Amino acid sequence: MLLGKMIVFGCPPNVITYGTLIDGLCKEGMVEEAKLLFTEMKDKGISPDVTAYTSLLHGLCCKGKLTEAEALFIEMVDEGLQLNLVTFSVMIDALRKQGRMEEANLLLGLMIQRGQPPDIVTYNTLIDALCKRGRMEKANSLLELMIQRGQPPNIVTYNTLIDALCHRGRMEEANSLLELMIQRSEPPNIVTYNSLINGHCKERRLDEANKLLELMIESQHPDAITYNTLIDGLCKAGRLE
């Protein structure tokens, strides 16, 4: 093995060598081998850095070994390592995938508390998971938190929330979000309009849907989904004139 040759030639592997190998093994799905190398590294008196820990953490999460990943995360905290954005994001995403939203939100709080501001991807990941579970109040609270902490929502944030609200018939709130995004200079796109038009049609609010179509035409080209949604809504309401 190359590590053996390094030692023979008087160039012992260091934290970077081990970290690079652990990352490579994890990316290839060879997590058990990465764990052995991680242990070997520590046995040789080389303290893993945040990069080595995070690589192994990600590898464990990808294999669904969340119990081991949590233990490793706690070890990182106990070792006093400065956890970075990637470390937190990996754990938050793993918890989200298992539906453990309370723990994911607690981790978000810890992230902020430790001076590591979440990025747009972290916020959007959590908002999407909350919306899929119908926890709209919590999702809206996260939107408020990100604005309050200086992280501007993007088109993905707004579309996720608007679509979820429309699916639940909460059209007033969806309309308010449309107003907010326009206010904050985030232009709605075709996905935004189609979600809203679909929501209004399902609620038999066809006049509102038509107004949205007019607003949409000012900046977007309606597509087949837009027109099919409106036609379906008009047919179901018996407005075939």
C-alpha atoms as a PDB file:
ATOM      1  CA  MET A   1       0.000   0.000   0.000  1.00  0.00           C
ATOM      2  CA  LEU A   2       1.136   3.554  -0.716  1.00  0.00           C
ATOM      3  CA  LEU A   3       0.997   4.457   2.989  1.00  0.00           C
ATOM      4  CA  GLY A   4       3.578   1.738   3.697  1.00  0.00           C
ATOM      5  CA  LYS A   5       5.886   3.077   0.992  1.00  0.00           C
ATOM      6  CA  MET A   6       5.658   6.576   2.467  1.00  0.00           C
ATOM      7  CA  ILE A   7       6.886   5.261   5.808  1.00  0.00           C
ATOM      8  CA  VAL A   8       9.690   3.238   4.174  1.00  0.00           C
ATOM      9  CA  PHE A   9      10.935   6.344   2.368  1.00  0.00           C
ATOM     10  CA  GLY A  10      10.903   8.374   5.568  1.00  0.00           C
ATOM     11  CA  CYS A  11       7.822  10.391   4.679  1.00  0.00           C
ATOM     12  CA  PRO A  12       5.192   9.323   7.231  1.00  0.00           C
ATOM     13  CA  PRO A  13       1.561  10.131   6.382  1.00  0.00           C
ATOM     14  CA  ASN A  14       0.121  13.174   8.101  1.00  0.00           C
ATOM     15  CA  VAL A  15      -3.388  14.452   8.826  1.00  0.00           C
ATOM     16  CA  ILE A  16      -3.796  15.628   5.214  1.00  0.00           C
ATOM     17  CA  THR A  17      -2.749  12.231   3.806  1.00  0.00           C
ATOM     18  CA  TYR A  18      -5.216  10.364   5.997  1.00  0.00           C
ATOM     19  CA  GLY A  19      -7.963  12.917   5.422  1.00  0.00           C
ATOM     20  CA  THR A  20      -7.571  12.650   1.638  1.00  0.00           C
ATOM     21  CA  LEU A  21      -7.684   8.838   1.733  1.00  0.00           C
ATOM     22  CA  ILE A  22     -10.702   8.756   4.066  1.00  0.00           C
ATOM     23  CA  ASP A  23     -12.567  11.180   1.809  1.00  0.00           C
ATOM     24  CA  GLY A  24     -11.730   9.122  -1.286  1.00  0.00           C
ATOM     25  CA  LEU A  25     -12.839   5.847   0.334  1.00  0.00           C
ATOM     26  CA  CYS A  26     -16.108   7.368   1.524  1.00  0.00           C
ATOM     27  CA  LYS A  27     -16.850   8.765  -1.934  1.00  0.00           C
ATOM     28  CA  GLU A  28     -16.392   5.239  -3.315  1.00  0.00           C
ATOM     29  CA  GLY A  29     -18.781   3.866  -0.691  1.00  0.00           C
ATOM     30  CA  MET A  30     -15.964   2.056   1.135  1.00  0.00           C
ATOM     31  CA  VAL A  31     -16.992   3.322   4.560  1.00  0.00           C
ATOM     32  CA  GLU A  32     -15.764   0.300   6.566  1.00  0.00           C
ATOM     33  CA  GLU A  33     -12.285   0.746   5.075  1.00  0.00           C
ATOM     34  CA  ALA A  34     -12.466   4.481   5.850  1.00  0.00           C
ATOM     35  CA  LYS A  35     -13.360   3.686   9.480  1.00  0.00           C
ATOM     36  CA  LEU A  36     -10.332   1.407   9.793  1.00  0.00           C
ATOM     37  CA  LEU A  37      -8.078   4.125   8.406  1.00  0.00           C
ATOM     38  CA  PHE A  38      -9.643   6.670  10.767  1.00  0.00           C
ATOM     39  CA  THR A  39      -8.867   4.373  13.740  1.00  0.00           C
ATOM     40  CA  GLU A  40      -5.326   3.740  12.468  1.00  0.00           C
ATOM     41  CA  MET A  41      -4.793   7.479  12.189  1.00  0.00           C
ATOM     42  CA  LYS A  42      -5.758   8.018  15.836  1.00  0.00           C
ATOM     43  CA  ASP A  43      -3.711   4.993  16.991  1.00  0.00           C
ATOM     44  CA  LYS A  44      -0.647   6.617  15.407  1.00  0.00           C
ATOM     45  CA  GLY A  45      -1.243   9.750  17.476  1.00  0.00           C
ATOM     46  CA  ILE A  46      -2.505  11.828  14.552  1.00  0.00           C
ATOM     47  CA  SER A  47      -5.577  13.812  15.607  1.00  0.00           C
ATOM     48  CA  PRO A  48      -8.204  13.903  12.833  1.00  0.00           C
ATOM     49  CA  ASP A  49      -9.163  17.401  11.738  1.00  0.00           C
ATOM     50  CA  VAL A  50     -12.645  18.640  10.891  1.00  0.00           C
ATOM     51  CA  THR A  51     -12.174  17.597   7.235  1.00  0.00           C
ATOM     52  CA  ALA A  52     -11.393  13.958   8.096  1.00  0.00           C
ATOM     53  CA  TYR A  53     -14.283  13.803  10.575  1.00  0.00           C
ATOM     54  CA  THR A  54     -16.731  15.384   8.142  1.00  0.00           C
ATOM     55  CA  SER A  55     -15.709  13.056   5.299  1.00  0.00           C
ATOM     56  CA  LEU A  56     -16.362  10.004   7.483  1.00  0.00           C
ATOM     57  CA  LEU A  57     -19.568  11.571   8.830  1.00  0.00           C
ATOM     58  CA  HIS A  58     -20.844  12.046   5.280  1.00  0.00           C
ATOM     59  CA  GLY A  59     -19.860   8.496   4.344  1.00  0.00           C
ATOM     60  CA  LEU A  60     -21.754   7.060   7.331  1.00  0.00           C
ATOM     61  CA  CYS A  61     -24.846   9.162   6.571  1.00  0.00           C
ATOM     62  CA  CYS A  62     -24.827   8.052   2.920  1.00  0.00           C
ATOM     63  CA  LYS A  63     -24.846   4.431   4.097  1.00  0.00           C
ATOM     64  CA  GLY A  64     -27.738   5.115   6.477  1.00  0.00           C
ATOM     65  CA  LYS A  65     -25.542   4.533   9.550  1.00  0.00           C
ATOM     66  CA  LEU A  66     -27.025   7.464  11.423  1.00  0.00           C
ATOM     67  CA  THR A  67     -26.390   6.069  14.927  1.00  0.00           C
ATOM     68  CA  GLU A  68     -22.661   5.868  14.149  1.00  0.00           C
ATOM     69  CA  ALA A  69     -22.777   9.295  12.505  1.00  0.00           C
ATOM     70  CA  GLU A  70     -24.391  10.828  15.598  1.00  0.00           C
ATOM     71  CA  ALA A  71     -21.729   9.266  17.838  1.00  0.00           C
ATOM     72  CA  LEU A  72     -19.015  10.677  15.558  1.00  0.00           C
ATOM     73  CA  PHE A  73     -20.662  14.115  15.591  1.00  0.00           C
ATOM     74  CA  ILE A  74     -20.730  14.091  19.417  1.00  0.00           C
ATOM     75  CA  GLU A  75     -17.062  13.042  19.415  1.00  0.00           C
ATOM     76  CA  MET A  76     -16.259  16.069  17.245  1.00  0.00           C
ATOM     77  CA  VAL A  77     -18.005  18.368  19.724  1.00  0.00           C
ATOM     78  CA  ASP A  78     -16.224  16.701  22.666  1.00  0.00           C
ATOM     79  CA  GLU A  79     -12.864  17.128  20.899  1.00  0.00           C
ATOM     80  CA  GLY A  80     -13.551  20.860  20.664  1.00  0.00           C
ATOM     81  CA  LEU A  81     -13.375  20.954  16.864  1.00  0.00           C
ATOM     82  CA  GLN A  82     -14.734  23.992  15.046  1.00  0.00           C
ATOM     83  CA  LEU A  83     -17.660  22.435  13.174  1.00  0.00           C
ATOM     84  CA  ASN A  84     -18.115  23.973   9.747  1.00  0.00           C
ATOM     85  CA  LEU A  85     -21.047  24.518   7.400  1.00  0.00           C
ATOM     86  CA  VAL A  86     -20.515  21.161   5.668  1.00  0.00           C
ATOM     87  CA  THR A  87     -20.467  19.252   8.988  1.00  0.00           C
ATOM     88  CA  PHE A  88     -23.777  20.724  10.108  1.00  0.00           C
ATOM     89  CA  SER A  89     -25.370  20.427   6.658  1.00  0.00           C
ATOM     90  CA  VAL A  90     -24.486  16.712   6.414  1.00  0.00           C
ATOM     91  CA  MET A  91     -26.108  15.942   9.783  1.00  0.00           C
ATOM     92  CA  ILE A  92     -29.158  18.145   9.183  1.00  0.00           C
ATOM     93  CA  ASP A  93     -29.774  16.506   5.816  1.00  0.00           C
ATOM     94  CA  ALA A  94     -29.413  12.992   7.298  1.00  0.00           C
ATOM     95  CA  LEU A  95     -31.900  13.790  10.082  1.00  0.00           C
ATOM     96  CA  ARG A  96     -34.292  15.341   7.558  1.00  0.00           C
ATOM     97  CA  LYS A  97     -34.251  12.200   5.416  1.00  0.00           C
ATOM     98  CA  GLN A  98     -35.293  10.166   8.458  1.00  0.00           C
ATOM     99  CA  GLY A  99     -38.094  12.598   9.296  1.00  0.00           C
ATOM    100  CA  ARG A 100     -36.416  13.661  12.541  1.00  0.00           C
ATOM    101  CA  MET A 101     -37.310  17.306  12.084  1.00  0.00           C
ATOM    102  CA  GLU A 102     -37.187  18.360  15.755  1.00  0.00           C
ATOM    103  CA  GLU A 103     -33.570  17.208  15.988  1.00  0.00           C
ATOM    104  CA  ALA A 104     -32.732  18.817  12.631  1.00  0.00           C
ATOM    105  CA  ASN A 105     -34.175  22.127  13.891  1.00  0.00           C
ATOM    106  CA  LEU A 106     -32.240  21.828  17.157  1.00  0.00           C
ATOM    107  CA  LEU A 107     -29.074  21.317  15.136  1.00  0.00           C
ATOM    108  CA  LEU A 108     -29.893  24.432  13.116  1.00  0.00           C
ATOM    109  CA  GLY A 109     -30.160  26.334  16.415  1.00  0.00           C
ATOM    110  CA  LEU A 110     -26.801  24.933  17.574  1.00  0.00           C
ATOM    111  CA  MET A 111     -25.273  25.921  14.249  1.00  0.00           C
ATOM    112  CA  ILE A 112     -26.383  29.550  14.725  1.00  0.00           C
ATOM    113  CA  GLN A 113     -25.362  29.512  18.395  1.00  0.00           C
ATOM    114  CA  ARG A 114     -21.835  28.391  17.464  1.00  0.00           C
ATOM    115  CA  GLY A 115     -21.454  31.259  14.993  1.00  0.00           C
ATOM    116  CA  GLN A 116     -21.825  29.171  11.831  1.00  0.00           C
ATOM    117  CA  PRO A 117     -24.537  30.862   9.753  1.00  0.00           C
ATOM    118  CA  PRO A 118     -26.657  28.394   7.726  1.00  0.00           C
ATOM    119  CA  ASP A 119     -26.573  28.921   3.976  1.00  0.00           C
ATOM    120  CA  ILE A 120     -29.544  29.051   1.594  1.00  0.00           C
ATOM    121  CA  VAL A 121     -29.259  25.297   0.851  1.00  0.00           C
ATOM    122  CA  THR A 122     -29.563  24.390   4.551  1.00  0.00           C
ATOM    123  CA  TYR A 123     -32.620  26.606   5.023  1.00  0.00           C
ATOM    124  CA  ASN A 124     -34.273  25.368   1.814  1.00  0.00           C
ATOM    125  CA  THR A 125     -33.618  21.728   2.737  1.00  0.00           C
ATOM    126  CA  LEU A 126     -35.368  22.170   6.084  1.00  0.00           C
ATOM    127  CA  ILE A 127     -38.238  24.239   4.675  1.00  0.00           C
ATOM    128  CA  ASP A 128     -38.867  21.616   1.980  1.00  0.00           C
ATOM    129  CA  ALA A 129     -38.902  18.790   4.555  1.00  0.00           C
ATOM    130  CA  LEU A 130     -41.283  20.704   6.851  1.00  0.00           C
ATOM    131  CA  CYS A 131     -43.618  21.514   3.948  1.00  0.00           C
ATOM    132  CA  LYS A 132     -43.723  17.868   2.854  1.00  0.00           C
ATOM    133  CA  ARG A 133     -44.790  16.937   6.385  1.00  0.00           C
ATOM    134  CA  GLY A 134     -47.458  19.646   6.453  1.00  0.00           C
ATOM    135  CA  ARG A 135     -45.724  21.651   9.164  1.00  0.00           C
ATOM    136  CA  MET A 136     -46.420  24.977   7.529  1.00  0.00           C
ATOM    137  CA  GLU A 137     -46.181  27.141  10.670  1.00  0.00           C
ATOM    138  CA  LYS A 138     -42.681  25.848  11.373  1.00  0.00           C
ATOM    139  CA  ALA A 139     -41.703  26.320   7.697  1.00  0.00           C
ATOM    140  CA  ASN A 140     -42.979  29.910   7.795  1.00  0.00           C
ATOM    141  CA  SER A 141     -41.043  30.509  11.028  1.00  0.00           C
ATOM    142  CA  LEU A 142     -37.863  29.375   9.274  1.00  0.00           C
ATOM    143  CA  LEU A 143     -38.571  31.803   6.441  1.00  0.00           C
ATOM    144  CA  GLU A 144     -38.867  34.613   9.006  1.00  0.00           C
ATOM    145  CA  LEU A 145     -35.673  33.454  10.735  1.00  0.00           C
ATOM    146  CA  MET A 146     -33.624  33.456   7.539  1.00  0.00           C
ATOM    147  CA  ILE A 147     -34.817  36.962   6.616  1.00  0.00           C
ATOM    148  CA  GLN A 148     -34.141  38.160  10.165  1.00  0.00           C
ATOM    149  CA  ARG A 149     -30.602  36.728  10.058  1.00  0.00           C
ATOM    150  CA  GLY A 150     -29.802  38.372   6.729  1.00  0.00           C
ATOM    151  CA  GLN A 151     -30.116  35.337   4.442  1.00  0.00           C
ATOM    152  CA  PRO A 152     -32.358  36.389   1.541  1.00  0.00           C
ATOM    153  CA  PRO A 153     -34.806  33.662   0.435  1.00  0.00           C
ATOM    154  CA  ASN A 154     -34.450  32.681  -3.214  1.00  0.00           C
ATOM    155  CA  ILE A 155     -36.931  31.488  -5.836  1.00  0.00           C
ATOM    156  CA  VAL A 156     -36.646  27.898  -4.526  1.00  0.00           C
ATOM    157  CA  THR A 157     -37.601  29.010  -0.998  1.00  0.00           C
ATOM    158  CA  TYR A 158     -40.682  30.892  -2.174  1.00  0.00           C
ATOM    159  CA  ASN A 159     -41.808  28.247  -4.674  1.00  0.00           C
ATOM    160  CA  THR A 160     -41.521  25.487  -2.068  1.00  0.00           C
ATOM    161  CA  LEU A 161     -43.680  27.386   0.417  1.00  0.00           C
ATOM    162  CA  ILE A 162     -46.194  28.652  -2.147  1.00  0.00           C
ATOM    163  CA  ASP A 163     -46.705  25.197  -3.664  1.00  0.00           C
ATOM    164  CA  ALA A 164     -47.202  23.621  -0.224  1.00  0.00           C
ATOM    165  CA  LEU A 165     -49.718  26.304   0.788  1.00  0.00           C
ATOM    166  CA  CYS A 166     -51.613  25.917  -2.497  1.00  0.00           C
ATOM    167  CA  HIS A 167     -51.844  22.149  -2.045  1.00  0.00           C
ATOM    168  CA  ARG A 168     -53.456  22.785   1.334  1.00  0.00           C
ATOM    169  CA  GLY A 169     -55.887  25.392   0.004  1.00  0.00           C
ATOM    170  CA  ARG A 170     -54.264  28.183   2.027  1.00  0.00           C
ATOM    171  CA  MET A 171     -54.550  30.651  -0.825  1.00  0.00           C
ATOM    172  CA  GLU A 172     -54.493  33.902   1.159  1.00  0.00           C
ATOM    173  CA  GLU A 173     -51.123  32.949   2.652  1.00  0.00           C
ATOM    174  CA  ALA A 174     -49.839  31.867  -0.772  1.00  0.00           C
ATOM    175  CA  ASN A 175     -50.913  35.232  -2.242  1.00  0.00           C
ATOM    176  CA  SER A 176     -49.173  37.053   0.615  1.00  0.00           C
ATOM    177  CA  LEU A 177     -45.957  35.194  -0.166  1.00  0.00           C
ATOM    178  CA  LEU A 178     -46.249  36.202  -3.817  1.00  0.00           C
ATOM    179  CA  GLU A 179     -46.540  39.829  -2.693  1.00  0.00           C
ATOM    180  CA  LEU A 180     -43.553  39.402  -0.362  1.00  0.00           C
ATOM    181  CA  MET A 181     -41.319  37.997  -3.091  1.00  0.00           C
ATOM    182  CA  ILE A 182     -42.234  40.829  -5.475  1.00  0.00           C
ATOM    183  CA  GLN A 183     -41.627  43.322  -2.643  1.00  0.00           C
ATOM    184  CA  ARG A 184     -38.189  41.790  -2.038  1.00  0.00           C
ATOM    185  CA  SER A 185     -37.292  41.941  -5.770  1.00  0.00           C
ATOM    186  CA  GLU A 186     -37.439  38.173  -6.314  1.00  0.00           C
ATOM    187  CA  PRO A 187     -39.420  37.879  -9.571  1.00  0.00           C
ATOM    188  CA  PRO A 188     -41.911  34.976  -9.659  1.00  0.00           C
ATOM    189  CA  ASN A 189     -41.236  32.399 -12.373  1.00  0.00           C
ATOM    190  CA  ILE A 190     -43.492  30.045 -14.304  1.00  0.00           C
ATOM    191  CA  VAL A 191     -43.408  27.498 -11.438  1.00  0.00           C
ATOM    192  CA  THR A 192     -44.643  30.149  -8.987  1.00  0.00           C
ATOM    193  CA  TYR A 193     -47.539  31.180 -11.215  1.00  0.00           C
ATOM    194  CA  ASN A 194     -48.533  27.623 -12.132  1.00  0.00           C
ATOM    195  CA  SER A 195     -48.672  26.615  -8.455  1.00  0.00           C
ATOM    196  CA  LEU A 196     -50.859  29.611  -7.615  1.00  0.00           C
ATOM    197  CA  ILE A 197     -53.161  29.187 -10.629  1.00  0.00           C
ATOM    198  CA  ASN A 198     -53.579  25.493  -9.807  1.00  0.00           C
ATOM    199  CA  GLY A 199     -54.352  26.315  -6.163  1.00  0.00           C
ATOM    200  CA  HIS A 200     -56.981  28.908  -7.082  1.00  0.00           C
ATOM    201  CA  CYS A 201     -58.592  26.589  -9.650  1.00  0.00           C
ATOM    202  CA  LYS A 202     -58.848  23.781  -7.088  1.00  0.00           C
ATOM    203  CA  GLU A 203     -60.559  26.192  -4.703  1.00  0.00           C
ATOM    204  CA  ARG A 204     -62.912  27.309  -7.537  1.00  0.00           C
ATOM    205  CA  ARG A 205     -61.456  30.828  -7.353  1.00  0.00           C
ATOM    206  CA  LEU A 206     -61.366  31.159 -11.104  1.00  0.00           C
ATOM    207  CA  ASP A 207     -61.450  34.951 -11.251  1.00  0.00           C
ATOM    208  CA  GLU A 208     -58.298  35.002  -9.082  1.00  0.00           C
ATOM    209  CA  ALA A 209     -56.707  32.409 -11.380  1.00  0.00           C
ATOM    210  CA  ASN A 210     -57.466  34.534 -14.449  1.00  0.00           C
ATOM    211  CA  LYS A 211     -56.031  37.648 -12.785  1.00  0.00           C
ATOM    212  CA  LEU A 212     -52.846  35.694 -12.098  1.00  0.00           C
ATOM    213  CA  LEU A 213     -52.700  34.645 -15.735  1.00  0.00           C
ATOM    214  CA  GLU A 214     -52.878  38.326 -16.755  1.00  0.00           C
ATOM    215  CA  LEU A 215     -50.136  39.211 -14.266  1.00  0.00           C
ATOM    216  CA  MET A 216     -48.053  36.272 -15.470  1.00  0.00           C
ATOM    217  CA  ILE A 217     -48.266  37.348 -19.128  1.00  0.00           C
ATOM    218  CA  GLU A 218     -46.565  40.635 -18.222  1.00  0.00           C
ATOM    219  CA  SER A 219     -43.282  38.798 -17.528  1.00  0.00           C
ATOM    220  CA  GLN A 220     -43.672  35.095 -18.381  1.00  0.00           C
ATOM    221  CA  HIS A 221     -44.900  32.926 -21.243  1.00  0.00           C
ATOM    222  CA  PRO A 222     -47.645  30.611 -19.942  1.00  0.00           C
ATOM    223  CA  ASP A 223     -47.038  26.986 -20.902  1.00  0.00           C
ATOM    224  CA  ALA A 224     -49.277  23.967 -21.574  1.00  0.00           C
ATOM    225  CA  ILE A 225     -49.553  23.304 -17.811  1.00  0.00           C
ATOM    226  CA  THR A 226     -50.876  26.839 -17.233  1.00  0.00           C
ATOM    227  CA  TYR A 227     -53.591  26.589 -19.889  1.00  0.00           C
ATOM    228  CA  ASN A 228     -54.523  22.973 -19.109  1.00  0.00           C
ATOM    229  CA  THR A 229     -54.938  23.861 -15.431  1.00  0.00           C
ATOM    230  CA  LEU A 230     -57.223  26.786 -16.271  1.00  0.00           C
ATOM    231  CA  ILE A 231     -59.262  24.794 -18.794  1.00  0.00           C
ATOM    232  CA  ASP A 232     -59.697  21.964 -16.268  1.00  0.00           C
ATOM    233  CA  GLY A 233     -60.772  24.451 -13.587  1.00  0.00           C
ATOM    234  CA  LEU A 234     -63.304  26.132 -15.888  1.00  0.00           C
ATOM    235  CA  CYS A 235     -64.737  22.766 -16.989  1.00  0.00           C
ATOM    236  CA  LYS A 236     -65.160  21.560 -13.417  1.00  0.00           C
ATOM    237  CA  ALA A 237     -66.905  24.820 -12.512  1.00  0.00           C
ATOM    238  CA  GLY A 238     -69.215  24.510 -15.540  1.00  0.00           C
ATOM    239  CA  ARG A 239     -67.885  27.720 -17.043  1.00  0.00           C
ATOM    240  CA  LEU A 240     -67.463  26.550 -20.603  1.00  0.00           C
ATOM    241  CA  GLU A 241     -68.463  29.780 -22.326  1.00  0.00           C
END
